[in-house]
Amino acid sequence: MKRILLLSDTHNYWDPRYADYIATCDEVWHAGDMCSYEHAQRFAELKPFRAVCGNCDGGDLRRLYPEVLRWRCEQVEVLMKHIGGYPGHYDLSARKYLQELCDEAKEGARLFIAGHSHILKVQYDERLRLLHINPGAAGLQGWQSVRTLVRFTIDGAEIKDLEVVELGTLNIEH
């Protein structure tokens, strides 16, 4: 069983509360646009860390983190890409990876994680038989009104105990 902290679009902002939320988890996953090598190092120092680069990430982060990451967590096949879209509206750049995921992982649970939109969304895709999660944006940059991250548990082939954490509004943080 693994407890996961998932965040995206921190855009060079470190909220001191990240460490508190990370402490309750086994792993940290970041869906891109960290925009800070130092913050990537901080995440990695706290817990095992997986990340993809986003469209705003510079060369140092692009050398460390791929555009697309696929792995198995417990019995769940996970695919993460910063620009990915969502069920019924997947980005063209994500479609081939989603097809590969579905072709190769015919049985069992599948999870697709994307960031970029700054829109929190958790939706099951009936057609592809996978759960899609976009944790919204945890940083201060963007148009979202509420900063968010997501915590959840992967237990075998089950994705459960999903919790949305609201970090406050952009107006309060400025």
N, C-alpha and C. Protein backbone atom coordinates (compact mmCIF):
# COMPACT_ATOMS: atom_id res chain seq x y z
N MET A 1 0.84 -1.18 0.00
CA MET A 1 0.00 0.00 0.00
C MET A 1 0.89 1.25 0.00
N LYS A 2 0.53 2.22 -0.86
CA LYS A 2 1.30 3.47 -0.97
C LYS A 2 0.35 4.65 -0.88
N ARG A 3 0.73 5.61 -0.06
CA ARG A 3 0.01 6.88 0.04
C ARG A 3 0.77 7.88 -0.82
N ILE A 4 0.06 8.54 -1.74
CA ILE A 4 0.68 9.42 -2.73
C ILE A 4 0.25 10.86 -2.53
N LEU A 5 1.20 11.78 -2.63
CA LEU A 5 0.89 13.20 -2.73
C LEU A 5 1.13 13.59 -4.18
N LEU A 6 0.11 14.12 -4.82
CA LEU A 6 0.18 14.51 -6.23
C LEU A 6 -0.04 16.01 -6.34
N LEU A 7 0.89 16.67 -7.02
CA LEU A 7 0.72 18.10 -7.25
C LEU A 7 1.26 18.46 -8.62
N SER A 8 0.94 19.67 -9.03
CA SER A 8 1.35 20.15 -10.34
C SER A 8 1.41 21.66 -10.32
N ASP A 9 2.08 22.20 -11.31
CA ASP A 9 2.07 23.64 -11.56
C ASP A 9 2.39 24.46 -10.32
N THR A 10 3.51 24.12 -9.68
CA THR A 10 3.97 24.90 -8.54
C THR A 10 4.66 26.19 -8.98
N HIS A 11 5.14 26.24 -10.21
CA HIS A 11 5.68 27.45 -10.83
C HIS A 11 6.63 28.23 -9.90
N ASN A 12 7.68 27.54 -9.45
CA ASN A 12 8.73 28.18 -8.65
C ASN A 12 8.23 28.72 -7.31
N TYR A 13 7.17 28.12 -6.79
CA TYR A 13 6.67 28.53 -5.47
C TYR A 13 6.77 27.34 -4.52
N TRP A 14 7.32 27.57 -3.35
CA TRP A 14 7.38 26.54 -2.32
C TRP A 14 6.49 26.97 -1.15
N ASP A 15 5.42 26.25 -0.96
CA ASP A 15 4.53 26.49 0.18
C ASP A 15 5.10 25.67 1.34
N PRO A 16 5.36 26.27 2.48
CA PRO A 16 5.93 25.51 3.60
C PRO A 16 5.04 24.35 4.04
N ARG A 17 3.76 24.41 3.72
CA ARG A 17 2.85 23.31 4.08
C ARG A 17 3.07 22.07 3.23
N TYR A 18 3.75 22.19 2.10
CA TYR A 18 4.04 21.00 1.29
C TYR A 18 4.71 19.92 2.16
N ALA A 19 5.67 20.32 2.96
CA ALA A 19 6.42 19.35 3.77
C ALA A 19 5.49 18.62 4.74
N ASP A 20 4.51 19.32 5.30
CA ASP A 20 3.55 18.67 6.21
C ASP A 20 2.72 17.62 5.48
N TYR A 21 2.26 17.95 4.29
CA TYR A 21 1.47 16.99 3.51
C TYR A 21 2.33 15.83 3.03
N ILE A 22 3.55 16.12 2.65
CA ILE A 22 4.47 15.08 2.20
C ILE A 22 4.76 14.10 3.33
N ALA A 23 4.85 14.60 4.55
CA ALA A 23 5.17 13.74 5.69
C ALA A 23 4.15 12.63 5.88
N THR A 24 2.92 12.85 5.43
CA THR A 24 1.85 11.84 5.60
C THR A 24 1.81 10.85 4.45
N CYS A 25 2.73 10.96 3.50
CA CYS A 25 2.70 10.14 2.29
C CYS A 25 3.98 9.32 2.14
N ASP A 26 3.90 8.33 1.25
CA ASP A 26 5.06 7.49 0.95
C ASP A 26 5.85 8.01 -0.24
N GLU A 27 5.16 8.63 -1.19
CA GLU A 27 5.80 9.13 -2.41
C GLU A 27 5.18 10.46 -2.80
N VAL A 28 5.96 11.25 -3.55
CA VAL A 28 5.49 12.52 -4.11
C VAL A 28 5.58 12.42 -5.62
N TRP A 29 4.49 12.79 -6.30
CA TRP A 29 4.46 12.83 -7.76
C TRP A 29 4.13 14.25 -8.19
N HIS A 30 4.88 14.77 -9.15
CA HIS A 30 4.67 16.14 -9.65
C HIS A 30 4.41 16.08 -11.15
N ALA A 31 3.29 16.64 -11.58
CA ALA A 31 2.86 16.56 -12.98
C ALA A 31 3.33 17.75 -13.81
N GLY A 32 4.47 18.33 -13.46
CA GLY A 32 5.11 19.31 -14.33
C GLY A 32 4.90 20.77 -13.97
N ASP A 33 5.74 21.59 -14.55
CA ASP A 33 5.85 23.03 -14.29
C ASP A 33 6.27 23.30 -12.84
N MET A 34 7.39 22.67 -12.46
CA MET A 34 8.00 23.00 -11.18
C MET A 34 8.71 24.34 -11.28
N CYS A 35 9.41 24.53 -12.39
CA CYS A 35 10.12 25.77 -12.70
C CYS A 35 11.25 26.08 -11.71
N SER A 36 11.69 25.09 -10.97
CA SER A 36 12.76 25.31 -10.00
C SER A 36 13.49 24.00 -9.73
N TYR A 37 14.77 23.97 -10.10
CA TYR A 37 15.61 22.82 -9.80
C TYR A 37 15.72 22.62 -8.30
N GLU A 38 15.85 23.72 -7.55
CA GLU A 38 15.98 23.64 -6.09
C GLU A 38 14.75 23.01 -5.46
N HIS A 39 13.57 23.36 -5.95
CA HIS A 39 12.34 22.78 -5.40
C HIS A 39 12.25 21.29 -5.74
N ALA A 40 12.67 20.91 -6.92
CA ALA A 40 12.68 19.49 -7.28
C ALA A 40 13.58 18.73 -6.31
N GLN A 41 14.73 19.30 -5.98
CA GLN A 41 15.63 18.67 -5.02
C GLN A 41 14.98 18.57 -3.64
N ARG A 42 14.26 19.60 -3.23
CA ARG A 42 13.60 19.57 -1.92
C ARG A 42 12.56 18.46 -1.86
N PHE A 43 11.76 18.34 -2.91
CA PHE A 43 10.77 17.26 -2.95
C PHE A 43 11.48 15.91 -2.82
N ALA A 44 12.55 15.73 -3.60
CA ALA A 44 13.26 14.45 -3.64
C ALA A 44 13.96 14.14 -2.31
N GLU A 45 14.33 15.15 -1.57
CA GLU A 45 14.96 14.93 -0.27
C GLU A 45 13.95 14.46 0.78
N LEU A 46 12.68 14.82 0.59
CA LEU A 46 11.66 14.49 1.58
C LEU A 46 11.10 13.08 1.44
N LYS A 47 10.85 12.65 0.21
CA LYS A 47 10.27 11.33 -0.06
C LYS A 47 10.69 10.89 -1.46
N PRO A 48 10.52 9.60 -1.78
CA PRO A 48 10.72 9.19 -3.17
C PRO A 48 9.87 10.08 -4.09
N PHE A 49 10.48 10.53 -5.19
CA PHE A 49 9.90 11.59 -6.01
C PHE A 49 9.89 11.19 -7.48
N ARG A 50 8.74 11.35 -8.11
CA ARG A 50 8.60 11.14 -9.56
C ARG A 50 8.02 12.41 -10.15
N ALA A 51 8.52 12.79 -11.32
CA ALA A 51 8.03 14.01 -11.94
C ALA A 51 8.21 13.95 -13.45
N VAL A 52 7.42 14.76 -14.13
CA VAL A 52 7.60 15.01 -15.56
C VAL A 52 7.87 16.49 -15.73
N CYS A 53 8.55 16.83 -16.83
CA CYS A 53 8.78 18.24 -17.10
C CYS A 53 7.52 18.83 -17.74
N GLY A 54 7.33 20.10 -17.50
CA GLY A 54 6.21 20.82 -18.09
C GLY A 54 6.70 21.82 -19.11
N ASN A 55 5.78 22.47 -19.77
CA ASN A 55 6.13 23.42 -20.82
C ASN A 55 6.88 24.64 -20.30
N CYS A 56 6.79 24.95 -19.00
CA CYS A 56 7.50 26.09 -18.42
C CYS A 56 8.81 25.70 -17.75
N ASP A 57 9.12 24.42 -17.72
CA ASP A 57 10.35 23.96 -17.07
C ASP A 57 11.55 24.16 -17.99
N GLY A 58 12.65 24.61 -17.39
CA GLY A 58 13.86 24.89 -18.16
C GLY A 58 14.69 23.65 -18.42
N GLY A 59 15.83 23.87 -19.05
CA GLY A 59 16.70 22.78 -19.48
C GLY A 59 17.20 21.88 -18.37
N ASP A 60 17.48 22.47 -17.19
CA ASP A 60 17.98 21.64 -16.09
C ASP A 60 16.93 20.61 -15.67
N LEU A 61 15.68 21.02 -15.60
CA LEU A 61 14.60 20.09 -15.23
C LEU A 61 14.29 19.13 -16.37
N ARG A 62 14.39 19.59 -17.60
CA ARG A 62 14.13 18.72 -18.75
C ARG A 62 15.17 17.61 -18.86
N ARG A 63 16.39 17.89 -18.41
CA ARG A 63 17.42 16.84 -18.40
C ARG A 63 17.15 15.80 -17.32
N LEU A 64 16.55 16.21 -16.23
CA LEU A 64 16.28 15.29 -15.11
C LEU A 64 14.97 14.53 -15.24
N TYR A 65 13.96 15.18 -15.78
CA TYR A 65 12.61 14.61 -15.79
C TYR A 65 12.09 14.54 -17.22
N PRO A 66 11.54 13.39 -17.60
CA PRO A 66 11.06 13.23 -18.97
C PRO A 66 9.73 13.95 -19.20
N GLU A 67 9.36 14.04 -20.45
CA GLU A 67 8.05 14.62 -20.82
C GLU A 67 6.93 13.65 -20.45
N VAL A 68 7.21 12.36 -20.57
CA VAL A 68 6.21 11.32 -20.28
C VAL A 68 6.87 10.30 -19.37
N LEU A 69 6.13 9.87 -18.37
CA LEU A 69 6.65 8.87 -17.44
C LEU A 69 5.58 7.79 -17.26
N ARG A 70 6.04 6.55 -17.36
CA ARG A 70 5.13 5.42 -17.14
C ARG A 70 5.79 4.43 -16.20
N TRP A 71 5.03 3.96 -15.21
CA TRP A 71 5.54 3.00 -14.26
C TRP A 71 4.37 2.25 -13.63
N ARG A 72 4.73 1.27 -12.82
CA ARG A 72 3.74 0.47 -12.11
C ARG A 72 3.88 0.78 -10.62
N CYS A 73 2.79 1.15 -9.99
CA CYS A 73 2.74 1.37 -8.55
C CYS A 73 1.77 0.35 -7.98
N GLU A 74 2.29 -0.55 -7.15
CA GLU A 74 1.49 -1.68 -6.69
C GLU A 74 1.02 -2.42 -7.94
N GLN A 75 -0.29 -2.55 -8.14
CA GLN A 75 -0.82 -3.22 -9.33
C GLN A 75 -1.51 -2.24 -10.28
N VAL A 76 -1.14 -0.98 -10.22
CA VAL A 76 -1.73 0.06 -11.05
C VAL A 76 -0.70 0.54 -12.06
N GLU A 77 -1.05 0.53 -13.32
CA GLU A 77 -0.21 1.11 -14.38
C GLU A 77 -0.46 2.61 -14.41
N VAL A 78 0.60 3.39 -14.26
CA VAL A 78 0.48 4.84 -14.16
C VAL A 78 1.17 5.49 -15.36
N LEU A 79 0.50 6.47 -15.94
CA LEU A 79 1.05 7.28 -17.01
C LEU A 79 0.90 8.74 -16.59
N MET A 80 2.01 9.51 -16.68
CA MET A 80 1.96 10.91 -16.30
C MET A 80 2.58 11.75 -17.41
N LYS A 81 1.87 12.82 -17.78
CA LYS A 81 2.32 13.75 -18.81
C LYS A 81 1.76 15.12 -18.46
N HIS A 82 2.56 16.16 -18.53
CA HIS A 82 2.09 17.48 -18.12
C HIS A 82 0.89 17.93 -18.96
N ILE A 83 1.06 17.98 -20.26
CA ILE A 83 -0.04 18.38 -21.14
C ILE A 83 -0.71 17.11 -21.63
N GLY A 84 -1.87 16.82 -21.09
CA GLY A 84 -2.53 15.56 -21.42
C GLY A 84 -4.00 15.66 -21.74
N GLY A 85 -4.65 16.72 -21.30
CA GLY A 85 -6.09 16.82 -21.50
C GLY A 85 -6.83 15.96 -20.49
N TYR A 86 -8.05 15.59 -20.86
CA TYR A 86 -8.90 14.82 -19.96
C TYR A 86 -9.86 13.98 -20.79
N PRO A 87 -10.57 13.03 -20.17
CA PRO A 87 -11.43 12.11 -20.94
C PRO A 87 -12.35 12.83 -21.93
N GLY A 88 -12.31 12.35 -23.15
CA GLY A 88 -13.08 12.95 -24.23
C GLY A 88 -12.40 14.13 -24.89
N HIS A 89 -11.34 14.64 -24.27
CA HIS A 89 -10.63 15.81 -24.80
C HIS A 89 -9.13 15.67 -24.54
N TYR A 90 -8.59 14.49 -24.83
CA TYR A 90 -7.16 14.29 -24.62
C TYR A 90 -6.36 15.10 -25.64
N ASP A 91 -5.23 15.63 -25.19
CA ASP A 91 -4.33 16.35 -26.07
C ASP A 91 -3.77 15.38 -27.10
N LEU A 92 -3.59 15.85 -28.32
CA LEU A 92 -3.05 14.99 -29.38
C LEU A 92 -1.71 14.37 -28.98
N SER A 93 -0.89 15.13 -28.25
CA SER A 93 0.42 14.62 -27.86
C SER A 93 0.34 13.49 -26.84
N ALA A 94 -0.79 13.30 -26.19
CA ALA A 94 -0.95 12.25 -25.17
C ALA A 94 -1.62 11.00 -25.73
N ARG A 95 -2.28 11.10 -26.84
CA ARG A 95 -3.11 9.99 -27.32
C ARG A 95 -2.32 8.71 -27.60
N LYS A 96 -1.15 8.82 -28.19
CA LYS A 96 -0.38 7.60 -28.50
C LYS A 96 0.06 6.91 -27.21
N TYR A 97 0.43 7.68 -26.18
CA TYR A 97 0.84 7.08 -24.91
C TYR A 97 -0.34 6.42 -24.20
N LEU A 98 -1.50 7.04 -24.31
CA LEU A 98 -2.70 6.44 -23.72
C LEU A 98 -3.06 5.15 -24.45
N GLN A 99 -2.92 5.15 -25.77
CA GLN A 99 -3.22 3.94 -26.54
C GLN A 99 -2.25 2.81 -26.17
N GLU A 100 -0.96 3.16 -26.03
CA GLU A 100 0.03 2.16 -25.62
C GLU A 100 -0.30 1.61 -24.23
N LEU A 101 -0.68 2.49 -23.33
CA LEU A 101 -1.05 2.06 -21.98
C LEU A 101 -2.20 1.07 -22.03
N CYS A 102 -3.21 1.39 -22.81
CA CYS A 102 -4.39 0.52 -22.91
C CYS A 102 -4.08 -0.79 -23.63
N ASP A 103 -3.23 -0.74 -24.64
CA ASP A 103 -2.87 -1.95 -25.38
C ASP A 103 -2.01 -2.89 -24.54
N GLU A 104 -1.07 -2.33 -23.78
CA GLU A 104 -0.12 -3.15 -23.03
C GLU A 104 -0.65 -3.56 -21.66
N ALA A 105 -1.50 -2.77 -21.08
CA ALA A 105 -2.05 -3.07 -19.75
C ALA A 105 -3.55 -3.35 -19.89
N LYS A 106 -3.85 -4.43 -20.58
CA LYS A 106 -5.25 -4.76 -20.88
C LYS A 106 -6.05 -5.07 -19.62
N GLU A 107 -5.41 -5.67 -18.65
CA GLU A 107 -6.09 -6.04 -17.40
C GLU A 107 -5.60 -5.14 -16.28
N GLY A 108 -6.42 -4.95 -15.29
CA GLY A 108 -5.99 -4.22 -14.10
C GLY A 108 -6.29 -2.75 -14.17
N ALA A 109 -5.87 -2.08 -13.14
CA ALA A 109 -6.17 -0.65 -12.98
C ALA A 109 -5.17 0.20 -13.75
N ARG A 110 -5.68 1.31 -14.27
CA ARG A 110 -4.85 2.26 -15.00
C ARG A 110 -5.15 3.67 -14.50
N LEU A 111 -4.11 4.47 -14.43
CA LEU A 111 -4.22 5.84 -13.93
C LEU A 111 -3.48 6.75 -14.89
N PHE A 112 -4.15 7.82 -15.33
CA PHE A 112 -3.51 8.83 -16.18
C PHE A 112 -3.52 10.15 -15.42
N ILE A 113 -2.33 10.73 -15.26
CA ILE A 113 -2.16 11.98 -14.53
C ILE A 113 -1.68 13.05 -15.49
N ALA A 114 -2.32 14.20 -15.44
CA ALA A 114 -1.91 15.36 -16.24
C ALA A 114 -1.99 16.61 -15.37
N GLY A 115 -1.30 17.63 -15.79
CA GLY A 115 -1.36 18.93 -15.13
C GLY A 115 -1.75 19.98 -16.17
N HIS A 116 -1.05 21.10 -16.18
CA HIS A 116 -1.09 22.13 -17.19
C HIS A 116 -2.32 23.04 -17.15
N SER A 117 -3.51 22.50 -17.06
CA SER A 117 -4.72 23.33 -17.16
C SER A 117 -4.99 24.16 -15.91
N HIS A 118 -4.39 23.80 -14.79
CA HIS A 118 -4.65 24.41 -13.49
C HIS A 118 -6.07 24.12 -13.01
N ILE A 119 -6.74 23.19 -13.66
CA ILE A 119 -8.12 22.82 -13.30
C ILE A 119 -8.11 21.47 -12.61
N LEU A 120 -8.53 21.44 -11.37
CA LEU A 120 -8.66 20.19 -10.62
C LEU A 120 -9.74 19.34 -11.28
N LYS A 121 -9.37 18.09 -11.60
CA LYS A 121 -10.34 17.20 -12.23
C LYS A 121 -9.98 15.76 -11.89
N VAL A 122 -10.97 15.03 -11.41
CA VAL A 122 -10.84 13.59 -11.18
C VAL A 122 -12.02 12.97 -11.91
N GLN A 123 -11.72 12.14 -12.91
CA GLN A 123 -12.78 11.61 -13.76
C GLN A 123 -12.41 10.22 -14.25
N TYR A 124 -13.37 9.32 -14.20
CA TYR A 124 -13.14 7.98 -14.74
C TYR A 124 -13.50 7.99 -16.22
N ASP A 125 -12.61 7.45 -17.04
CA ASP A 125 -12.83 7.34 -18.48
C ASP A 125 -13.35 5.93 -18.77
N GLU A 126 -14.64 5.83 -19.04
CA GLU A 126 -15.28 4.54 -19.30
C GLU A 126 -14.71 3.88 -20.55
N ARG A 127 -14.44 4.70 -21.57
CA ARG A 127 -13.97 4.14 -22.84
C ARG A 127 -12.59 3.50 -22.70
N LEU A 128 -11.66 4.19 -22.03
CA LEU A 128 -10.31 3.65 -21.87
C LEU A 128 -10.14 2.86 -20.58
N ARG A 129 -11.14 2.85 -19.75
CA ARG A 129 -11.11 2.14 -18.47
C ARG A 129 -9.91 2.57 -17.63
N LEU A 130 -9.83 3.87 -17.38
CA LEU A 130 -8.77 4.40 -16.54
C LEU A 130 -9.28 5.59 -15.74
N LEU A 131 -8.61 5.84 -14.64
CA LEU A 131 -8.91 7.01 -13.83
C LEU A 131 -7.99 8.14 -14.27
N HIS A 132 -8.56 9.30 -14.48
CA HIS A 132 -7.78 10.49 -14.84
C HIS A 132 -7.77 11.43 -13.63
N ILE A 133 -6.58 11.92 -13.27
CA ILE A 133 -6.47 12.92 -12.21
C ILE A 133 -5.62 14.08 -12.69
N ASN A 134 -6.15 15.28 -12.55
CA ASN A 134 -5.37 16.51 -12.68
C ASN A 134 -5.49 17.18 -11.32
N PRO A 135 -4.37 17.35 -10.60
CA PRO A 135 -4.46 17.88 -9.25
C PRO A 135 -4.69 19.39 -9.16
N GLY A 136 -4.88 20.05 -10.29
CA GLY A 136 -4.99 21.50 -10.29
C GLY A 136 -3.61 22.12 -10.16
N ALA A 137 -3.55 23.32 -9.63
CA ALA A 137 -2.28 24.03 -9.50
C ALA A 137 -2.01 24.33 -8.04
N ALA A 138 -0.79 24.04 -7.59
CA ALA A 138 -0.41 24.27 -6.19
C ALA A 138 0.40 25.55 -6.02
N GLY A 139 0.73 26.21 -7.11
CA GLY A 139 1.55 27.41 -7.05
C GLY A 139 0.73 28.68 -7.08
N LEU A 140 1.43 29.80 -7.18
CA LEU A 140 0.79 31.12 -7.17
C LEU A 140 0.54 31.68 -8.55
N GLN A 141 1.11 31.07 -9.58
CA GLN A 141 0.96 31.58 -10.93
C GLN A 141 -0.24 30.92 -11.59
N GLY A 142 -1.04 31.70 -12.31
CA GLY A 142 -2.16 31.13 -13.04
C GLY A 142 -3.45 31.85 -12.73
N TRP A 143 -4.50 31.33 -13.31
CA TRP A 143 -5.80 31.98 -13.17
C TRP A 143 -6.74 31.22 -12.23
N GLN A 144 -6.29 30.08 -11.71
CA GLN A 144 -7.15 29.31 -10.81
C GLN A 144 -7.47 30.15 -9.58
N SER A 145 -8.66 29.95 -9.02
CA SER A 145 -9.01 30.73 -7.83
C SER A 145 -8.54 30.05 -6.55
N VAL A 146 -8.47 28.72 -6.55
CA VAL A 146 -8.05 27.98 -5.36
C VAL A 146 -6.88 27.09 -5.73
N ARG A 147 -5.82 27.15 -4.93
CA ARG A 147 -4.65 26.29 -5.12
C ARG A 147 -4.96 24.93 -4.51
N THR A 148 -4.63 23.86 -5.25
CA THR A 148 -4.97 22.51 -4.79
C THR A 148 -3.84 21.51 -5.02
N LEU A 149 -3.91 20.43 -4.26
CA LEU A 149 -3.12 19.23 -4.49
C LEU A 149 -4.02 18.06 -4.10
N VAL A 150 -3.57 16.85 -4.40
CA VAL A 150 -4.39 15.66 -4.18
C VAL A 150 -3.56 14.62 -3.44
N ARG A 151 -4.20 13.96 -2.48
CA ARG A 151 -3.60 12.79 -1.82
C ARG A 151 -4.51 11.60 -2.07
N PHE A 152 -3.90 10.43 -2.26
CA PHE A 152 -4.68 9.21 -2.44
C PHE A 152 -3.83 8.02 -2.10
N THR A 153 -4.49 6.87 -2.02
CA THR A 153 -3.82 5.63 -1.69
C THR A 153 -3.96 4.65 -2.84
N ILE A 154 -2.87 3.95 -3.14
CA ILE A 154 -2.92 2.82 -4.07
C ILE A 154 -2.66 1.58 -3.23
N ASP A 155 -3.64 0.71 -3.20
CA ASP A 155 -3.58 -0.52 -2.42
C ASP A 155 -3.84 -1.67 -3.37
N GLY A 156 -2.77 -2.33 -3.80
CA GLY A 156 -2.93 -3.38 -4.80
C GLY A 156 -3.38 -2.75 -6.11
N ALA A 157 -4.54 -3.17 -6.60
CA ALA A 157 -5.10 -2.62 -7.84
C ALA A 157 -6.17 -1.56 -7.56
N GLU A 158 -6.28 -1.15 -6.31
CA GLU A 158 -7.33 -0.21 -5.92
C GLU A 158 -6.76 1.18 -5.67
N ILE A 159 -7.40 2.18 -6.27
CA ILE A 159 -7.06 3.59 -6.02
C ILE A 159 -8.17 4.10 -5.12
N LYS A 160 -7.81 4.55 -3.91
CA LYS A 160 -8.85 4.88 -2.94
C LYS A 160 -8.42 6.03 -2.04
N ASP A 161 -9.32 6.44 -1.18
CA ASP A 161 -9.07 7.48 -0.17
C ASP A 161 -8.58 8.78 -0.80
N LEU A 162 -9.14 9.13 -1.94
CA LEU A 162 -8.72 10.35 -2.62
C LEU A 162 -9.20 11.57 -1.85
N GLU A 163 -8.28 12.49 -1.65
CA GLU A 163 -8.57 13.70 -0.88
C GLU A 163 -8.02 14.90 -1.63
N VAL A 164 -8.86 15.91 -1.81
CA VAL A 164 -8.43 17.17 -2.39
C VAL A 164 -8.04 18.10 -1.24
N VAL A 165 -6.85 18.65 -1.32
CA VAL A 165 -6.37 19.59 -0.31
C VAL A 165 -6.39 20.98 -0.92
N GLU A 166 -7.12 21.88 -0.31
CA GLU A 166 -7.15 23.28 -0.75
C GLU A 166 -6.12 24.05 0.04
N LEU A 167 -5.25 24.74 -0.68
CA LEU A 167 -4.15 25.49 -0.07
C LEU A 167 -4.45 26.98 0.08
N GLY A 168 -5.62 27.41 -0.32
CA GLY A 168 -5.99 28.82 -0.23
C GLY A 168 -6.20 29.42 -1.61
N THR A 169 -6.65 30.63 -1.60
CA THR A 169 -6.91 31.34 -2.85
C THR A 169 -5.69 32.18 -3.23
N LEU A 170 -5.63 32.53 -4.50
CA LEU A 170 -4.52 33.36 -4.96
C LEU A 170 -4.57 34.73 -4.31
N ASN A 171 -5.74 35.28 -4.09
CA ASN A 171 -5.86 36.62 -3.47
C ASN A 171 -5.29 36.64 -2.06
N ILE A 172 -5.50 35.58 -1.30
CA ILE A 172 -5.00 35.52 0.08
C ILE A 172 -3.48 35.40 0.08
N GLU A 173 -2.93 34.68 -0.88
CA GLU A 173 -1.49 34.39 -0.88
C GLU A 173 -0.64 35.57 -1.29
N HIS A 174 -1.19 36.52 -2.03
CA HIS A 174 -0.37 37.62 -2.56
C HIS A 174 -0.10 38.66 -1.52
